[in-house]
């Protein structure tokens, strides 16, 4: 069955960086676009970034453009999200997404 397992969430100071990972299994990872979403406490889940199957095209929410980079490793079946210049408003649970499938999320806390 499809499994998406996120990791890499942590407590980081404003201005800091983190790299999130998502390990995928149960489907042919290299054939599908993948996305990251996030959900902050009391807010709806929101789109963060997406990447096409080959990795050749990416798209970002305006709120993270220029600070976050989505990438993938189609050999290792992993999706990444490099997050730089983190702000307090980036604090959320970050989810890996493929179609109707979601991981359980990884928590990013941004605080001094």
C-alpha atoms as a PDB file:
ATOM      1  CA  UNK A   1       0.000   0.000   0.000  1.00  0.00           C
ATOM      2  CA  UNK A   2       1.021   3.615  -0.461  1.00  0.00           C
ATOM      3  CA  UNK A   3       3.065   4.978   2.409  1.00  0.00           C
ATOM      4  CA  UNK A   4       4.430   8.483   2.832  1.00  0.00           C
ATOM      5  CA  UNK A   5       6.619   9.094   5.859  1.00  0.00           C
ATOM      6  CA  UNK A   6       7.803  12.590   6.627  1.00  0.00           C
ATOM      7  CA  UNK A   7      10.799  13.456   8.774  1.00  0.00           C
ATOM      8  CA  UNK A   8      13.077  16.354   9.595  1.00  0.00           C
ATOM      9  CA  UNK A   9      10.742  18.588  11.557  1.00  0.00           C
ATOM     10  CA  UNK A  10      12.326  20.370  14.479  1.00  0.00           C
ATOM     11  CA  UNK A  11      12.457  23.525  16.572  1.00  0.00           C
ATOM     12  CA  UNK A  12      14.376  26.236  14.749  1.00  0.00           C
ATOM     13  CA  UNK A  13      14.992  29.915  15.391  1.00  0.00           C
ATOM     14  CA  UNK A  14      13.609  32.577  13.059  1.00  0.00           C
ATOM     15  CA  UNK A  15      15.941  32.957  10.122  1.00  0.00           C
ATOM     16  CA  UNK A  16      17.099  29.376  10.405  1.00  0.00           C
ATOM     17  CA  UNK A  17      16.891  26.471   7.979  1.00  0.00           C
ATOM     18  CA  UNK A  18      15.505  22.953   7.926  1.00  0.00           C
ATOM     19  CA  UNK A  19      15.279  20.195   5.369  1.00  0.00           C
ATOM     20  CA  UNK A  20      12.234  17.971   5.416  1.00  0.00           C
ATOM     21  CA  UNK A  21      12.181  14.537   3.839  1.00  0.00           C
ATOM     22  CA  UNK A  22       9.381  12.268   2.715  1.00  0.00           C
ATOM     23  CA  UNK A  23      10.086   8.612   2.050  1.00  0.00           C
ATOM     24  CA  UNK A  24       7.597   7.069  -0.354  1.00  0.00           C
ATOM     25  CA  UNK A  25       6.725   3.429  -0.930  1.00  0.00           C
ATOM     26  CA  UNK A  26       3.979   1.285  -2.422  1.00  0.00           C
ATOM     27  CA  UNK A  27       3.806   3.032  -5.778  1.00  0.00           C
ATOM     28  CA  UNK A  28       6.078   3.996  -8.674  1.00  0.00           C
ATOM     29  CA  UNK A  29       7.357   7.229  -7.194  1.00  0.00           C
ATOM     30  CA  UNK A  30       9.123   8.422 -10.327  1.00  0.00           C
ATOM     31  CA  UNK A  31       5.878   8.558 -12.314  1.00  0.00           C
ATOM     32  CA  UNK A  32       4.001  11.078 -10.205  1.00  0.00           C
ATOM     33  CA  UNK A  33       4.066  14.697  -9.207  1.00  0.00           C
ATOM     34  CA  UNK A  34       4.479  15.193  -5.491  1.00  0.00           C
ATOM     35  CA  UNK A  35       3.584  18.046  -3.178  1.00  0.00           C
ATOM     36  CA  UNK A  36       4.120  19.502   0.259  1.00  0.00           C
ATOM     37  CA  UNK A  37       1.293  21.017   2.273  1.00  0.00           C
ATOM     38  CA  UNK A  38       1.217  22.460   5.767  1.00  0.00           C
ATOM     39  CA  UNK A  39      -1.305  23.094   8.497  1.00  0.00           C
ATOM     40  CA  UNK A  40      -0.812  25.549  11.308  1.00  0.00           C
ATOM     41  CA  UNK A  41      -2.842  25.315  14.528  1.00  0.00           C
ATOM     42  CA  UNK A  42      -6.362  26.606  13.972  1.00  0.00           C
ATOM     43  CA  UNK A  43      -5.875  27.005  10.249  1.00  0.00           C
ATOM     44  CA  UNK A  44      -6.757  25.003   7.178  1.00  0.00           C
ATOM     45  CA  UNK A  45      -4.213  22.888   5.389  1.00  0.00           C
ATOM     46  CA  UNK A  46      -2.501  24.910   2.685  1.00  0.00           C
ATOM     47  CA  UNK A  47      -0.419  24.205  -0.382  1.00  0.00           C
ATOM     48  CA  UNK A  48       3.317  24.825  -0.063  1.00  0.00           C
ATOM     49  CA  UNK A  49       5.059  23.411  -3.142  1.00  0.00           C
ATOM     50  CA  UNK A  50       4.789  20.845  -5.904  1.00  0.00           C
ATOM     51  CA  UNK A  51       7.211  19.125  -8.244  1.00  0.00           C
ATOM     52  CA  UNK A  52       6.613  17.169 -11.439  1.00  0.00           C
ATOM     53  CA  UNK A  53       7.579  13.532 -11.824  1.00  0.00           C
ATOM     54  CA  UNK A  54      10.929  14.297 -13.459  1.00  0.00           C
ATOM     55  CA  UNK A  55      11.665  17.166 -11.131  1.00  0.00           C
ATOM     56  CA  UNK A  56      11.850  19.534 -14.065  1.00  0.00           C
ATOM     57  CA  UNK A  57       9.052  21.838 -12.983  1.00  0.00           C
ATOM     58  CA  UNK A  58       8.268  23.218  -9.558  1.00  0.00           C
ATOM     59  CA  UNK A  59       5.653  25.573  -8.214  1.00  0.00           C
ATOM     60  CA  UNK A  60       5.409  27.354  -4.879  1.00  0.00           C
ATOM     61  CA  UNK A  61       2.952  29.217  -2.740  1.00  0.00           C
ATOM     62  CA  UNK A  62       3.690  32.923  -2.817  1.00  0.00           C
ATOM     63  CA  UNK A  63       4.357  32.878   0.915  1.00  0.00           C
ATOM     64  CA  UNK A  64       7.381  30.575   0.524  1.00  0.00           C
ATOM     65  CA  UNK A  65       8.657  31.508  -2.927  1.00  0.00           C
ATOM     66  CA  UNK A  66      12.350  32.320  -2.853  1.00  0.00           C
ATOM     67  CA  UNK A  67      12.836  30.722   0.574  1.00  0.00           C
ATOM     68  CA  UNK A  68      11.774  27.096   0.091  1.00  0.00           C
ATOM     69  CA  UNK A  69      13.002  24.602  -2.484  1.00  0.00           C
ATOM     70  CA  UNK A  70      11.251  21.344  -3.341  1.00  0.00           C
ATOM     71  CA  UNK A  71      13.284  18.529  -4.848  1.00  0.00           C
ATOM     72  CA  UNK A  72      13.164  14.792  -5.303  1.00  0.00           C
ATOM     73  CA  UNK A  73      15.319  11.696  -5.588  1.00  0.00           C
ATOM     74  CA  UNK A  74      13.634   9.259  -7.941  1.00  0.00           C
ATOM     75  CA  UNK A  75      16.213   6.560  -7.234  1.00  0.00           C
ATOM     76  CA  UNK A  76      15.758   6.666  -3.489  1.00  0.00           C
ATOM     77  CA  UNK A  77      12.008   7.450  -3.642  1.00  0.00           C
ATOM     78  CA  UNK A  78      12.361  10.574  -1.554  1.00  0.00           C
ATOM     79  CA  UNK A  79      10.842  14.014  -1.654  1.00  0.00           C
ATOM     80  CA  UNK A  80      12.551  16.978   0.011  1.00  0.00           C
ATOM     81  CA  UNK A  81      11.698  20.463   1.140  1.00  0.00           C
ATOM     82  CA  UNK A  82      14.602  22.779   1.895  1.00  0.00           C
ATOM     83  CA  UNK A  83      13.340  25.636   4.019  1.00  0.00           C
ATOM     84  CA  UNK A  84      15.505  28.725   4.510  1.00  0.00           C
ATOM     85  CA  UNK A  85      14.919  32.057   6.215  1.00  0.00           C
ATOM     86  CA  UNK A  86      12.199  30.523   8.338  1.00  0.00           C
ATOM     87  CA  UNK A  87       9.603  32.807   9.851  1.00  0.00           C
ATOM     88  CA  UNK A  88       7.253  32.299  12.770  1.00  0.00           C
ATOM     89  CA  UNK A  89       4.382  31.987  10.312  1.00  0.00           C
ATOM     90  CA  UNK A  90       6.051  28.932   8.760  1.00  0.00           C
ATOM     91  CA  UNK A  91       5.426  26.946  11.930  1.00  0.00           C
ATOM     92  CA  UNK A  92       3.082  24.086  11.086  1.00  0.00           C
ATOM     93  CA  UNK A  93       2.770  20.388  10.547  1.00  0.00           C
ATOM     94  CA  UNK A  94       4.140  19.675   7.088  1.00  0.00           C
ATOM     95  CA  UNK A  95       2.612  16.919   4.992  1.00  0.00           C
ATOM     96  CA  UNK A  96       3.810  15.009   1.965  1.00  0.00           C
ATOM     97  CA  UNK A  97       1.085  14.445  -0.629  1.00  0.00           C
ATOM     98  CA  UNK A  98       0.497  12.298  -3.687  1.00  0.00           C
ATOM     99  CA  UNK A  99      -2.990  12.189  -5.161  1.00  0.00           C
ATOM    100  CA  UNK A 100      -5.351  11.248  -2.339  1.00  0.00           C
ATOM    101  CA  UNK A 101      -2.546   9.999  -0.137  1.00  0.00           C
ATOM    102  CA  UNK A 102      -1.060  11.865   2.803  1.00  0.00           C
ATOM    103  CA  UNK A 103       1.661  11.204   5.286  1.00  0.00           C
ATOM    104  CA  UNK A 104       1.179  11.762   9.003  1.00  0.00           C
ATOM    105  CA  UNK A 105       3.203  14.936   8.948  1.00  0.00           C
ATOM    106  CA  UNK A 106       6.262  16.353  10.646  1.00  0.00           C
ATOM    107  CA  UNK A 107       6.160  19.306  13.035  1.00  0.00           C
ATOM    108  CA  UNK A 108       8.125  22.464  12.342  1.00  0.00           C
ATOM    109  CA  UNK A 109       8.321  24.956  15.191  1.00  0.00           C
ATOM    110  CA  UNK A 110       9.856  28.380  14.610  1.00  0.00           C
ATOM    111  CA  UNK A 111      10.623  30.205  17.812  1.00  0.00           C
ATOM    112  CA  UNK A 112      13.421  32.052  19.536  1.00  0.00           C
END
